[in-house]
Amino acid sequence: MKVIGITGGVGCGKSTVLDYLQTACSCLIVKADEVTHRLYEPGGSCHDALVALYEEYGQPGDGPLTDGSGRLLHSEMSARMFRSAQLRKKVDGLLHPAVIAELKAEIDDYRAGKLCGSDGKPYDFYFLEAALLIENGFLEVVDEMWYIYCPDAVRRKRLKDSRGYTDRQIDRIMSSQLTEREFRENCSFVIDNGGTPAKMHAAIDARLAGSGAESREDK
């Protein structure tokens, strides 16, 4: 099983690529954000430490940090993170290593045959998606990293049409992410997702074929 990271800037169309990969090969698709959420849910390995950390940075007048079931409230987490760069740094320092450890353990279980697909067969690929895979140290988790490229003008149009973002919002998000050059320097394969779906599909098919794994059509 080959582990591949899928990354790219906001609006590049990572979800579109993942949708195609799901049909094109035998694979498991994992989103790093979903793993993170699992860790800070009640019972998750980071939940208690996060509650203590957010409480440490609480101020008079703050709203409740958790609901009746102990689940952290995103609105209150965001408010406290917004006013404290130190809290953001500590949260990242707690979560990022925990997510990497969780993913490594899961990948090891798949490779050892302890986990497999619903059909009882092992997957050919394990795709891990996140916008910040490179920045958050996931290069050590994956066998290779794929960069989903899309011209800025196309990305902007997508974000305005699908999410209603303003130019100011888009500028702020894009400025906080890696540059195209940085993405390319850290990735071994680039998918141009600014053209037609057929062109994107063909590029992926060629890369998958080069891996030696079977396509859906071959099975």
N, C-alpha and C. Protein backbone atom coordinates (compact mmCIF):
# COMPACT_ATOMS: atom_id res chain seq x y z
N MET A 1 0.85 -1.20 0.00
CA MET A 1 0.00 0.00 0.00
C MET A 1 0.88 1.25 0.00
N LYS A 2 0.61 2.12 -0.93
CA LYS A 2 1.37 3.36 -1.04
C LYS A 2 0.61 4.49 -0.38
N VAL A 3 1.32 5.29 0.42
CA VAL A 3 0.70 6.40 1.14
C VAL A 3 1.05 7.70 0.42
N ILE A 4 0.02 8.43 0.00
CA ILE A 4 0.22 9.63 -0.81
C ILE A 4 -0.50 10.81 -0.16
N GLY A 5 0.22 11.91 0.00
CA GLY A 5 -0.38 13.13 0.52
C GLY A 5 -0.96 13.94 -0.62
N ILE A 6 -2.13 14.51 -0.40
CA ILE A 6 -2.79 15.37 -1.38
C ILE A 6 -2.90 16.76 -0.78
N THR A 7 -2.23 17.74 -1.38
CA THR A 7 -2.24 19.08 -0.80
C THR A 7 -2.33 20.13 -1.90
N GLY A 8 -2.55 21.36 -1.48
CA GLY A 8 -2.68 22.48 -2.41
C GLY A 8 -3.39 23.63 -1.73
N GLY A 9 -3.33 24.78 -2.33
CA GLY A 9 -3.94 25.96 -1.74
C GLY A 9 -5.45 25.94 -1.79
N VAL A 10 -6.07 26.87 -1.07
CA VAL A 10 -7.51 26.96 -1.03
C VAL A 10 -8.08 27.19 -2.43
N GLY A 11 -9.15 26.48 -2.75
CA GLY A 11 -9.79 26.63 -4.06
C GLY A 11 -9.14 25.86 -5.20
N CYS A 12 -8.15 25.03 -4.89
CA CYS A 12 -7.45 24.31 -5.96
C CYS A 12 -8.24 23.10 -6.45
N GLY A 13 -9.24 22.68 -5.69
CA GLY A 13 -10.05 21.55 -6.13
C GLY A 13 -9.59 20.20 -5.61
N LYS A 14 -9.07 20.16 -4.40
CA LYS A 14 -8.62 18.89 -3.83
C LYS A 14 -9.77 17.88 -3.74
N SER A 15 -10.95 18.35 -3.37
CA SER A 15 -12.09 17.43 -3.24
C SER A 15 -12.45 16.79 -4.58
N THR A 16 -12.34 17.56 -5.66
CA THR A 16 -12.62 17.02 -6.99
C THR A 16 -11.63 15.91 -7.35
N VAL A 17 -10.37 16.13 -7.01
CA VAL A 17 -9.34 15.12 -7.26
C VAL A 17 -9.63 13.87 -6.42
N LEU A 18 -9.97 14.05 -5.16
CA LEU A 18 -10.26 12.91 -4.30
C LEU A 18 -11.47 12.13 -4.78
N ASP A 19 -12.48 12.83 -5.26
CA ASP A 19 -13.67 12.15 -5.79
C ASP A 19 -13.29 11.23 -6.95
N TYR A 20 -12.39 11.73 -7.81
CA TYR A 20 -11.98 10.89 -8.93
C TYR A 20 -11.12 9.72 -8.47
N LEU A 21 -10.21 9.96 -7.55
CA LEU A 21 -9.36 8.89 -7.04
C LEU A 21 -10.18 7.76 -6.44
N GLN A 22 -11.27 8.12 -5.79
CA GLN A 22 -12.13 7.11 -5.17
C GLN A 22 -12.68 6.13 -6.20
N THR A 23 -12.90 6.60 -7.42
CA THR A 23 -13.44 5.74 -8.48
C THR A 23 -12.34 5.11 -9.33
N ALA A 24 -11.14 5.67 -9.29
CA ALA A 24 -10.09 5.27 -10.23
C ALA A 24 -9.21 4.15 -9.71
N CYS A 25 -9.20 3.91 -8.41
CA CYS A 25 -8.29 2.90 -7.86
C CYS A 25 -8.82 2.37 -6.54
N SER A 26 -8.17 1.33 -6.06
CA SER A 26 -8.51 0.77 -4.75
C SER A 26 -7.81 1.60 -3.69
N CYS A 27 -8.57 2.42 -2.97
CA CYS A 27 -7.92 3.35 -2.06
C CYS A 27 -8.77 3.69 -0.85
N LEU A 28 -8.10 4.14 0.18
CA LEU A 28 -8.74 4.73 1.34
C LEU A 28 -8.38 6.21 1.34
N ILE A 29 -9.36 7.08 1.54
CA ILE A 29 -9.12 8.51 1.58
C ILE A 29 -9.36 9.01 2.99
N VAL A 30 -8.33 9.64 3.54
CA VAL A 30 -8.39 10.14 4.92
C VAL A 30 -8.11 11.63 4.90
N LYS A 31 -8.94 12.40 5.60
CA LYS A 31 -8.72 13.84 5.72
C LYS A 31 -8.16 14.13 7.10
N ALA A 32 -7.02 14.82 7.11
CA ALA A 32 -6.34 15.07 8.38
C ALA A 32 -7.22 15.84 9.35
N ASP A 33 -8.06 16.73 8.84
CA ASP A 33 -8.97 17.49 9.71
C ASP A 33 -9.92 16.58 10.46
N GLU A 34 -10.37 15.52 9.81
CA GLU A 34 -11.30 14.60 10.46
C GLU A 34 -10.60 13.83 11.57
N VAL A 35 -9.33 13.48 11.37
CA VAL A 35 -8.56 12.81 12.41
C VAL A 35 -8.38 13.75 13.60
N THR A 36 -8.07 15.02 13.31
CA THR A 36 -7.91 16.01 14.37
C THR A 36 -9.18 16.13 15.20
N HIS A 37 -10.32 16.23 14.54
CA HIS A 37 -11.59 16.35 15.25
C HIS A 37 -11.84 15.14 16.14
N ARG A 38 -11.47 13.97 15.65
CA ARG A 38 -11.66 12.76 16.43
C ARG A 38 -10.85 12.79 17.73
N LEU A 39 -9.69 13.40 17.67
CA LEU A 39 -8.82 13.43 18.85
C LEU A 39 -9.30 14.38 19.92
N TYR A 40 -10.01 15.44 19.53
CA TYR A 40 -10.47 16.34 20.59
C TYR A 40 -11.95 16.18 20.94
N GLU A 41 -12.61 15.17 20.38
CA GLU A 41 -13.95 14.84 20.82
C GLU A 41 -13.86 14.18 22.21
N PRO A 42 -14.95 14.19 23.00
CA PRO A 42 -14.92 13.50 24.29
C PRO A 42 -14.47 12.05 24.13
N GLY A 43 -13.51 11.64 24.93
CA GLY A 43 -12.94 10.30 24.80
C GLY A 43 -11.71 10.26 23.92
N GLY A 44 -11.47 11.31 23.13
CA GLY A 44 -10.29 11.38 22.29
C GLY A 44 -9.03 11.62 23.12
N SER A 45 -7.90 11.24 22.59
CA SER A 45 -6.67 11.29 23.37
C SER A 45 -6.23 12.71 23.74
N CYS A 46 -6.70 13.72 23.00
CA CYS A 46 -6.29 15.10 23.28
C CYS A 46 -7.37 15.93 23.98
N HIS A 47 -8.54 15.34 24.19
CA HIS A 47 -9.66 16.13 24.69
C HIS A 47 -9.38 16.80 26.03
N ASP A 48 -8.97 16.03 27.02
CA ASP A 48 -8.79 16.58 28.36
C ASP A 48 -7.68 17.63 28.39
N ALA A 49 -6.60 17.35 27.66
CA ALA A 49 -5.48 18.31 27.64
C ALA A 49 -5.89 19.61 26.96
N LEU A 50 -6.72 19.53 25.92
CA LEU A 50 -7.18 20.73 25.24
C LEU A 50 -8.12 21.54 26.12
N VAL A 51 -9.01 20.87 26.82
CA VAL A 51 -9.92 21.59 27.73
C VAL A 51 -9.11 22.35 28.76
N ALA A 52 -8.11 21.70 29.35
CA ALA A 52 -7.28 22.36 30.36
C ALA A 52 -6.53 23.54 29.76
N LEU A 53 -6.06 23.38 28.52
CA LEU A 53 -5.30 24.44 27.87
C LEU A 53 -6.18 25.65 27.57
N TYR A 54 -7.36 25.41 27.03
CA TYR A 54 -8.27 26.52 26.73
C TYR A 54 -8.75 27.19 28.01
N GLU A 55 -8.95 26.42 29.06
CA GLU A 55 -9.37 27.01 30.33
C GLU A 55 -8.27 27.91 30.90
N GLU A 56 -7.03 27.50 30.71
CA GLU A 56 -5.90 28.29 31.19
C GLU A 56 -5.89 29.69 30.56
N TYR A 57 -6.37 29.77 29.32
CA TYR A 57 -6.37 31.06 28.60
C TYR A 57 -7.75 31.73 28.61
N GLY A 58 -8.62 31.27 29.49
CA GLY A 58 -9.93 31.90 29.61
C GLY A 58 -9.84 33.25 30.30
N GLN A 59 -10.82 34.07 30.04
CA GLN A 59 -10.90 35.41 30.64
C GLN A 59 -12.31 35.65 31.15
N PRO A 60 -12.45 36.56 32.13
CA PRO A 60 -13.79 36.89 32.61
C PRO A 60 -14.69 37.33 31.45
N GLY A 61 -15.90 36.82 31.45
CA GLY A 61 -16.83 37.16 30.38
C GLY A 61 -16.87 36.16 29.24
N ASP A 62 -15.94 35.21 29.22
CA ASP A 62 -15.95 34.18 28.19
C ASP A 62 -17.20 33.30 28.33
N GLY A 63 -17.65 32.76 27.22
CA GLY A 63 -18.76 31.84 27.24
C GLY A 63 -18.30 30.46 27.68
N PRO A 64 -19.24 29.51 27.79
CA PRO A 64 -18.85 28.14 28.17
C PRO A 64 -17.96 27.52 27.10
N LEU A 65 -17.00 26.72 27.57
CA LEU A 65 -16.04 26.10 26.66
C LEU A 65 -16.55 24.79 26.08
N THR A 66 -17.39 24.09 26.83
CA THR A 66 -17.92 22.80 26.38
C THR A 66 -19.43 22.77 26.53
N ASP A 67 -20.06 21.84 25.79
CA ASP A 67 -21.50 21.67 25.94
C ASP A 67 -21.78 20.63 27.02
N GLY A 68 -23.04 20.23 27.15
CA GLY A 68 -23.41 19.30 28.21
C GLY A 68 -22.76 17.93 28.11
N SER A 69 -22.33 17.56 26.91
CA SER A 69 -21.70 16.25 26.73
C SER A 69 -20.18 16.31 26.83
N GLY A 70 -19.65 17.50 27.09
CA GLY A 70 -18.21 17.65 27.20
C GLY A 70 -17.53 18.00 25.89
N ARG A 71 -18.32 18.16 24.83
CA ARG A 71 -17.75 18.48 23.52
C ARG A 71 -17.32 19.95 23.48
N LEU A 72 -16.11 20.19 23.01
CA LEU A 72 -15.59 21.56 22.89
C LEU A 72 -16.41 22.35 21.88
N LEU A 73 -16.74 23.58 22.23
CA LEU A 73 -17.53 24.44 21.36
C LEU A 73 -16.60 25.23 20.44
N HIS A 74 -16.77 25.07 19.14
CA HIS A 74 -15.86 25.69 18.17
C HIS A 74 -15.86 27.21 18.26
N SER A 75 -17.00 27.80 18.53
CA SER A 75 -17.06 29.26 18.60
C SER A 75 -16.18 29.79 19.72
N GLU A 76 -16.20 29.12 20.86
CA GLU A 76 -15.40 29.58 22.00
C GLU A 76 -13.92 29.26 21.79
N MET A 77 -13.63 28.12 21.19
CA MET A 77 -12.24 27.78 20.87
C MET A 77 -11.65 28.84 19.94
N SER A 78 -12.40 29.20 18.90
CA SER A 78 -11.92 30.19 17.93
C SER A 78 -11.71 31.55 18.57
N ALA A 79 -12.64 31.95 19.45
CA ALA A 79 -12.52 33.26 20.10
C ALA A 79 -11.26 33.34 20.95
N ARG A 80 -10.96 32.29 21.68
CA ARG A 80 -9.78 32.31 22.54
C ARG A 80 -8.49 32.20 21.73
N MET A 81 -8.53 31.42 20.66
CA MET A 81 -7.36 31.30 19.79
C MET A 81 -7.07 32.62 19.10
N PHE A 82 -8.12 33.34 18.70
CA PHE A 82 -7.96 34.59 17.96
C PHE A 82 -7.21 35.63 18.76
N ARG A 83 -7.42 35.65 20.06
CA ARG A 83 -6.81 36.70 20.87
C ARG A 83 -5.45 36.30 21.46
N SER A 84 -5.02 35.05 21.24
CA SER A 84 -3.75 34.61 21.83
C SER A 84 -2.94 33.76 20.87
N ALA A 85 -1.86 34.34 20.35
CA ALA A 85 -0.95 33.59 19.48
C ALA A 85 -0.26 32.48 20.26
N GLN A 86 -0.04 32.71 21.54
CA GLN A 86 0.61 31.70 22.38
C GLN A 86 -0.27 30.46 22.53
N LEU A 87 -1.59 30.70 22.70
CA LEU A 87 -2.51 29.57 22.79
C LEU A 87 -2.52 28.79 21.48
N ARG A 88 -2.57 29.49 20.36
CA ARG A 88 -2.54 28.81 19.05
C ARG A 88 -1.31 27.92 18.92
N LYS A 89 -0.17 28.45 19.35
CA LYS A 89 1.08 27.69 19.25
C LYS A 89 1.02 26.44 20.12
N LYS A 90 0.47 26.57 21.33
CA LYS A 90 0.39 25.42 22.23
C LYS A 90 -0.60 24.37 21.72
N VAL A 91 -1.72 24.83 21.16
CA VAL A 91 -2.70 23.90 20.60
C VAL A 91 -2.08 23.13 19.44
N ASP A 92 -1.40 23.85 18.56
CA ASP A 92 -0.73 23.19 17.43
C ASP A 92 0.31 22.20 17.92
N GLY A 93 1.06 22.59 18.95
CA GLY A 93 2.10 21.71 19.50
C GLY A 93 1.53 20.46 20.13
N LEU A 94 0.31 20.54 20.60
CA LEU A 94 -0.35 19.36 21.17
C LEU A 94 -0.98 18.49 20.08
N LEU A 95 -1.70 19.12 19.15
CA LEU A 95 -2.48 18.36 18.18
C LEU A 95 -1.66 17.75 17.05
N HIS A 96 -0.75 18.52 16.48
CA HIS A 96 -0.04 18.03 15.30
C HIS A 96 0.74 16.74 15.56
N PRO A 97 1.54 16.64 16.62
CA PRO A 97 2.23 15.37 16.89
C PRO A 97 1.25 14.22 17.15
N ALA A 98 0.12 14.53 17.81
CA ALA A 98 -0.85 13.48 18.11
C ALA A 98 -1.50 12.96 16.82
N VAL A 99 -1.81 13.87 15.90
CA VAL A 99 -2.41 13.45 14.63
C VAL A 99 -1.43 12.61 13.83
N ILE A 100 -0.17 13.03 13.78
CA ILE A 100 0.84 12.27 13.05
C ILE A 100 0.99 10.87 13.65
N ALA A 101 1.02 10.78 14.98
CA ALA A 101 1.15 9.49 15.63
C ALA A 101 -0.06 8.60 15.34
N GLU A 102 -1.25 9.19 15.36
CA GLU A 102 -2.47 8.44 15.07
C GLU A 102 -2.45 7.90 13.64
N LEU A 103 -2.04 8.73 12.70
CA LEU A 103 -2.01 8.31 11.31
C LEU A 103 -0.95 7.24 11.07
N LYS A 104 0.22 7.41 11.67
CA LYS A 104 1.28 6.40 11.51
C LYS A 104 0.82 5.05 12.02
N ALA A 105 0.15 5.05 13.17
CA ALA A 105 -0.35 3.79 13.74
C ALA A 105 -1.39 3.15 12.83
N GLU A 106 -2.28 3.97 12.28
CA GLU A 106 -3.31 3.45 11.38
C GLU A 106 -2.69 2.87 10.11
N ILE A 107 -1.74 3.61 9.54
CA ILE A 107 -1.07 3.14 8.33
C ILE A 107 -0.33 1.83 8.58
N ASP A 108 0.35 1.74 9.73
CA ASP A 108 1.06 0.50 10.09
C ASP A 108 0.09 -0.68 10.17
N ASP A 109 -1.12 -0.43 10.72
CA ASP A 109 -2.11 -1.50 10.85
C ASP A 109 -2.60 -1.95 9.48
N TYR A 110 -2.78 -1.01 8.55
CA TYR A 110 -3.19 -1.39 7.20
C TYR A 110 -2.08 -2.19 6.51
N ARG A 111 -0.87 -1.74 6.66
CA ARG A 111 0.25 -2.43 6.01
C ARG A 111 0.50 -3.81 6.61
N ALA A 112 0.16 -3.96 7.87
CA ALA A 112 0.35 -5.26 8.53
C ALA A 112 -0.83 -6.20 8.32
N GLY A 113 -1.88 -5.69 7.64
CA GLY A 113 -3.05 -6.52 7.39
C GLY A 113 -4.05 -6.56 8.53
N LYS A 114 -3.83 -5.75 9.57
CA LYS A 114 -4.78 -5.71 10.68
C LYS A 114 -6.05 -4.96 10.30
N LEU A 115 -5.94 -4.04 9.34
CA LEU A 115 -7.09 -3.31 8.82
C LEU A 115 -7.13 -3.51 7.30
N CYS A 116 -8.31 -3.48 6.73
CA CYS A 116 -8.43 -3.64 5.27
C CYS A 116 -9.74 -3.02 4.82
N GLY A 117 -10.02 -3.11 3.53
CA GLY A 117 -11.24 -2.54 2.98
C GLY A 117 -12.46 -3.34 3.38
N SER A 118 -13.63 -2.80 3.07
CA SER A 118 -14.89 -3.47 3.43
C SER A 118 -15.04 -4.82 2.74
N ASP A 119 -14.31 -5.00 1.63
CA ASP A 119 -14.37 -6.28 0.92
C ASP A 119 -13.35 -7.29 1.45
N GLY A 120 -12.65 -6.92 2.50
CA GLY A 120 -11.67 -7.81 3.09
C GLY A 120 -10.32 -7.82 2.41
N LYS A 121 -10.16 -6.97 1.39
CA LYS A 121 -8.90 -6.92 0.65
C LYS A 121 -8.11 -5.67 1.03
N PRO A 122 -6.80 -5.74 0.94
CA PRO A 122 -5.99 -4.56 1.26
C PRO A 122 -6.14 -3.47 0.19
N TYR A 123 -5.95 -2.23 0.59
CA TYR A 123 -5.99 -1.13 -0.36
C TYR A 123 -4.65 -1.01 -1.09
N ASP A 124 -4.70 -0.52 -2.33
CA ASP A 124 -3.47 -0.21 -3.06
C ASP A 124 -2.90 1.13 -2.62
N PHE A 125 -3.80 2.06 -2.28
CA PHE A 125 -3.37 3.41 -1.92
C PHE A 125 -4.08 3.91 -0.67
N TYR A 126 -3.37 4.75 0.06
CA TYR A 126 -3.90 5.46 1.22
C TYR A 126 -3.64 6.94 0.94
N PHE A 127 -4.70 7.68 0.62
CA PHE A 127 -4.54 9.10 0.30
C PHE A 127 -4.87 9.94 1.54
N LEU A 128 -3.95 10.81 1.89
CA LEU A 128 -4.11 11.69 3.05
C LEU A 128 -4.21 13.12 2.55
N GLU A 129 -5.33 13.78 2.87
CA GLU A 129 -5.56 15.14 2.36
C GLU A 129 -5.58 16.18 3.47
N ALA A 130 -4.94 17.31 3.21
CA ALA A 130 -5.02 18.49 4.08
C ALA A 130 -4.33 19.64 3.36
N ALA A 131 -4.77 20.85 3.65
CA ALA A 131 -4.13 22.02 3.05
C ALA A 131 -2.74 22.25 3.62
N LEU A 132 -2.52 21.83 4.87
CA LEU A 132 -1.26 22.14 5.56
C LEU A 132 -0.41 20.89 5.82
N LEU A 133 -0.44 19.94 4.92
CA LEU A 133 0.35 18.72 5.12
C LEU A 133 1.84 19.01 5.23
N ILE A 134 2.33 19.87 4.38
CA ILE A 134 3.77 20.16 4.36
C ILE A 134 4.17 20.93 5.60
N GLU A 135 3.42 22.00 5.91
CA GLU A 135 3.76 22.86 7.04
C GLU A 135 3.70 22.12 8.38
N ASN A 136 2.82 21.15 8.48
CA ASN A 136 2.59 20.49 9.76
C ASN A 136 3.34 19.17 9.92
N GLY A 137 4.32 18.92 9.05
CA GLY A 137 5.22 17.79 9.25
C GLY A 137 4.77 16.47 8.68
N PHE A 138 3.80 16.45 7.77
CA PHE A 138 3.29 15.18 7.26
C PHE A 138 4.17 14.58 6.16
N LEU A 139 5.21 15.28 5.75
CA LEU A 139 6.13 14.68 4.77
C LEU A 139 6.74 13.40 5.32
N GLU A 140 6.86 13.30 6.64
CA GLU A 140 7.44 12.10 7.26
C GLU A 140 6.45 10.94 7.31
N VAL A 141 5.18 11.22 7.04
CA VAL A 141 4.14 10.19 7.09
C VAL A 141 3.93 9.53 5.73
N VAL A 142 4.02 10.32 4.65
CA VAL A 142 3.65 9.83 3.31
C VAL A 142 4.85 9.33 2.54
N ASP A 143 4.57 8.48 1.54
CA ASP A 143 5.62 8.01 0.63
C ASP A 143 5.93 9.06 -0.42
N GLU A 144 4.91 9.79 -0.84
CA GLU A 144 5.11 10.90 -1.76
C GLU A 144 3.98 11.90 -1.60
N MET A 145 4.24 13.12 -2.02
CA MET A 145 3.27 14.21 -1.88
C MET A 145 2.86 14.70 -3.25
N TRP A 146 1.54 14.86 -3.47
CA TRP A 146 1.02 15.39 -4.72
C TRP A 146 0.51 16.81 -4.48
N TYR A 147 0.85 17.70 -5.36
CA TYR A 147 0.40 19.09 -5.29
C TYR A 147 -0.70 19.31 -6.32
N ILE A 148 -1.87 19.73 -5.86
CA ILE A 148 -2.97 20.06 -6.77
C ILE A 148 -2.84 21.54 -7.12
N TYR A 149 -2.44 21.79 -8.36
CA TYR A 149 -2.21 23.16 -8.82
C TYR A 149 -3.43 23.69 -9.57
N CYS A 150 -3.68 24.97 -9.39
CA CYS A 150 -4.73 25.64 -10.15
C CYS A 150 -4.38 27.12 -10.20
N PRO A 151 -4.51 27.78 -11.36
CA PRO A 151 -4.18 29.21 -11.45
C PRO A 151 -5.00 30.03 -10.45
N ASP A 152 -4.39 31.09 -9.95
CA ASP A 152 -5.05 31.93 -8.95
C ASP A 152 -6.41 32.46 -9.42
N ALA A 153 -6.49 32.87 -10.68
CA ALA A 153 -7.74 33.44 -11.19
C ALA A 153 -8.88 32.42 -11.13
N VAL A 154 -8.57 31.16 -11.43
CA VAL A 154 -9.58 30.10 -11.38
C VAL A 154 -9.97 29.82 -9.94
N ARG A 155 -8.98 29.79 -9.07
CA ARG A 155 -9.24 29.54 -7.64
C ARG A 155 -10.15 30.64 -7.07
N ARG A 156 -9.86 31.87 -7.42
CA ARG A 156 -10.66 32.98 -6.91
C ARG A 156 -12.11 32.88 -7.38
N LYS A 157 -12.30 32.54 -8.63
CA LYS A 157 -13.67 32.42 -9.15
C LYS A 157 -14.41 31.30 -8.43
N ARG A 158 -13.74 30.18 -8.22
CA ARG A 158 -14.37 29.06 -7.53
C ARG A 158 -14.79 29.47 -6.11
N LEU A 159 -13.91 30.16 -5.41
CA LEU A 159 -14.19 30.55 -4.03
C LEU A 159 -15.33 31.56 -3.94
N LYS A 160 -15.42 32.45 -4.92
CA LYS A 160 -16.52 33.41 -4.94
C LYS A 160 -17.84 32.73 -5.27
N ASP A 161 -17.80 31.82 -6.26
CA ASP A 161 -19.02 31.16 -6.70
C ASP A 161 -19.53 30.14 -5.69
N SER A 162 -18.62 29.36 -5.10
CA SER A 162 -19.05 28.25 -4.23
C SER A 162 -19.18 28.64 -2.77
N ARG A 163 -18.37 29.60 -2.31
CA ARG A 163 -18.38 29.94 -0.89
C ARG A 163 -18.77 31.39 -0.61
N GLY A 164 -18.89 32.18 -1.66
CA GLY A 164 -19.27 33.57 -1.48
C GLY A 164 -18.19 34.43 -0.85
N TYR A 165 -16.93 34.03 -0.99
CA TYR A 165 -15.83 34.79 -0.41
C TYR A 165 -15.62 36.10 -1.15
N THR A 166 -15.17 37.10 -0.43
CA THR A 166 -14.79 38.37 -1.04
C THR A 166 -13.31 38.32 -1.41
N ASP A 167 -12.87 39.29 -2.23
CA ASP A 167 -11.45 39.34 -2.59
C ASP A 167 -10.58 39.50 -1.34
N ARG A 168 -11.06 40.28 -0.38
CA ARG A 168 -10.29 40.48 0.85
C ARG A 168 -10.12 39.17 1.62
N GLN A 169 -11.19 38.40 1.72
CA GLN A 169 -11.10 37.11 2.40
C GLN A 169 -10.15 36.17 1.68
N ILE A 170 -10.24 36.16 0.37
CA ILE A 170 -9.38 35.29 -0.43
C ILE A 170 -7.92 35.70 -0.28
N ASP A 171 -7.66 37.00 -0.33
CA ASP A 171 -6.29 37.49 -0.16
C ASP A 171 -5.71 37.05 1.18
N ARG A 172 -6.52 37.16 2.23
CA ARG A 172 -6.04 36.80 3.57
C ARG A 172 -5.69 35.32 3.65
N ILE A 173 -6.55 34.48 3.10
CA ILE A 173 -6.30 33.04 3.16
C ILE A 173 -5.08 32.65 2.32
N MET A 174 -5.03 33.16 1.10
CA MET A 174 -3.93 32.80 0.21
C MET A 174 -2.58 33.26 0.76
N SER A 175 -2.56 34.42 1.39
CA SER A 175 -1.30 34.95 1.93
C SER A 175 -0.79 34.12 3.11
N SER A 176 -1.68 33.36 3.74
CA SER A 176 -1.28 32.56 4.89
C SER A 176 -0.81 31.16 4.49
N GLN A 177 -0.96 30.82 3.21
CA GLN A 177 -0.59 29.48 2.75
C GLN A 177 0.73 29.51 1.98
N LEU A 178 1.27 28.33 1.70
CA LEU A 178 2.51 28.24 0.97
C LEU A 178 2.36 28.82 -0.44
N THR A 179 3.47 29.28 -0.99
CA THR A 179 3.47 29.77 -2.36
C THR A 179 3.50 28.57 -3.32
N GLU A 180 3.19 28.85 -4.58
CA GLU A 180 3.27 27.78 -5.59
C GLU A 180 4.66 27.16 -5.62
N ARG A 181 5.67 28.01 -5.54
CA ARG A 181 7.05 27.50 -5.57
C ARG A 181 7.31 26.55 -4.39
N GLU A 182 6.83 26.90 -3.21
CA GLU A 182 7.05 26.05 -2.03
C GLU A 182 6.31 24.73 -2.16
N PHE A 183 5.10 24.78 -2.68
CA PHE A 183 4.37 23.53 -2.90
C PHE A 183 5.15 22.63 -3.87
N ARG A 184 5.59 23.20 -4.97
CA ARG A 184 6.28 22.41 -5.99
C ARG A 184 7.59 21.84 -5.46
N GLU A 185 8.30 22.59 -4.65
CA GLU A 185 9.59 22.14 -4.12
C GLU A 185 9.43 20.95 -3.18
N ASN A 186 8.27 20.82 -2.56
CA ASN A 186 8.06 19.77 -1.57
C ASN A 186 7.23 18.60 -2.08
N CYS A 187 6.80 18.66 -3.34
CA CYS A 187 5.94 17.60 -3.88
C CYS A 187 6.62 16.92 -5.06
N SER A 188 6.37 15.63 -5.18
CA SER A 188 6.99 14.85 -6.25
C SER A 188 6.13 14.75 -7.50
N PHE A 189 4.87 15.18 -7.41
CA PHE A 189 3.98 15.10 -8.55
C PHE A 189 3.01 16.27 -8.50
N VAL A 190 2.77 16.90 -9.65
CA VAL A 190 1.87 18.05 -9.73
C VAL A 190 0.71 17.71 -10.65
N ILE A 191 -0.51 17.93 -10.17
CA ILE A 191 -1.71 17.73 -10.97
C ILE A 191 -2.27 19.09 -11.32
N ASP A 192 -2.39 19.38 -12.60
CA ASP A 192 -2.97 20.65 -13.04
C ASP A 192 -4.49 20.50 -13.03
N ASN A 193 -5.12 21.17 -12.09
CA ASN A 193 -6.58 21.07 -11.97
C ASN A 193 -7.26 22.36 -12.41
N GLY A 194 -6.61 23.09 -13.30
CA GLY A 194 -7.19 24.33 -13.78
C GLY A 194 -7.82 24.21 -15.15
N GLY A 195 -7.70 23.03 -15.75
CA GLY A 195 -8.26 22.82 -17.08
C GLY A 195 -9.50 21.95 -17.04
N THR A 196 -9.60 21.05 -18.01
CA THR A 196 -10.78 20.18 -18.09
C THR A 196 -10.63 18.99 -17.15
N PRO A 197 -11.76 18.42 -16.68
CA PRO A 197 -11.69 17.21 -15.87
C PRO A 197 -10.96 16.08 -16.60
N ALA A 198 -11.16 15.97 -17.89
CA ALA A 198 -10.52 14.90 -18.66
C ALA A 198 -9.00 14.99 -18.58
N LYS A 199 -8.48 16.19 -18.63
CA LYS A 199 -7.04 16.37 -18.55
C LYS A 199 -6.53 15.97 -17.17
N MET A 200 -7.25 16.35 -16.13
CA MET A 200 -6.87 15.98 -14.78
C MET A 200 -6.93 14.46 -14.60
N HIS A 201 -7.99 13.85 -15.10
CA HIS A 201 -8.16 12.40 -14.98
C HIS A 201 -7.02 11.66 -15.68
N ALA A 202 -6.65 12.13 -16.86
CA ALA A 202 -5.59 11.47 -17.62
C ALA A 202 -4.26 11.52 -16.88
N ALA A 203 -3.97 12.66 -16.26
CA ALA A 203 -2.72 12.80 -15.51
C ALA A 203 -2.69 11.84 -14.32
N ILE A 204 -3.81 11.73 -13.63
CA ILE A 204 -3.88 10.82 -12.49
C ILE A 204 -3.77 9.37 -12.94
N ASP A 205 -4.49 9.03 -14.02
CA ASP A 205 -4.44 7.65 -14.52
C ASP A 205 -3.02 7.24 -14.88
N ALA A 206 -2.28 8.16 -15.51
CA ALA A 206 -0.91 7.85 -15.90
C ALA A 206 -0.03 7.64 -14.67
N ARG A 207 -0.24 8.45 -13.64
CA ARG A 207 0.56 8.30 -12.42
C ARG A 207 0.22 7.00 -11.70
N LEU A 208 -1.06 6.67 -11.63
CA LEU A 208 -1.45 5.43 -10.98
C LEU A 208 -0.92 4.22 -11.73
N ALA A 209 -0.97 4.28 -13.05
CA ALA A 209 -0.47 3.17 -13.86
C ALA A 209 1.02 2.97 -13.64
N GLY A 210 1.74 4.07 -13.45
CA GLY A 210 3.17 3.99 -13.22
C GLY A 210 3.54 3.39 -11.89
N SER A 211 2.58 3.34 -10.96
CA SER A 211 2.84 2.78 -9.63
C SER A 211 2.82 1.26 -9.64
N GLY A 212 2.23 0.69 -10.70
CA GLY A 212 2.13 -0.77 -10.76
C GLY A 212 0.87 -1.31 -10.12
N ALA A 213 0.04 -0.44 -9.53
CA ALA A 213 -1.21 -0.89 -8.93
C ALA A 213 -2.29 -1.04 -9.99
N GLU A 214 -3.26 -1.88 -9.69
CA GLU A 214 -4.34 -2.11 -10.64
C GLU A 214 -5.38 -1.00 -10.56
N SER A 215 -5.95 -0.66 -11.69
CA SER A 215 -7.06 0.28 -11.71
C SER A 215 -8.36 -0.46 -11.40
N ARG A 216 -9.42 0.30 -11.19
CA ARG A 216 -10.72 -0.33 -10.96
C ARG A 216 -11.12 -1.21 -12.15
N GLU A 217 -10.78 -0.73 -13.37
CA GLU A 217 -11.18 -1.46 -14.57
C GLU A 217 -10.44 -2.79 -14.71
N ASP A 218 -9.26 -2.87 -14.11
CA ASP A 218 -8.46 -4.09 -14.23
C ASP A 218 -8.97 -5.19 -13.31
N LYS A 219 -9.78 -4.80 -12.30
CA LYS A 219 -10.16 -5.78 -11.28
C LYS A 219 -11.49 -6.44 -11.62
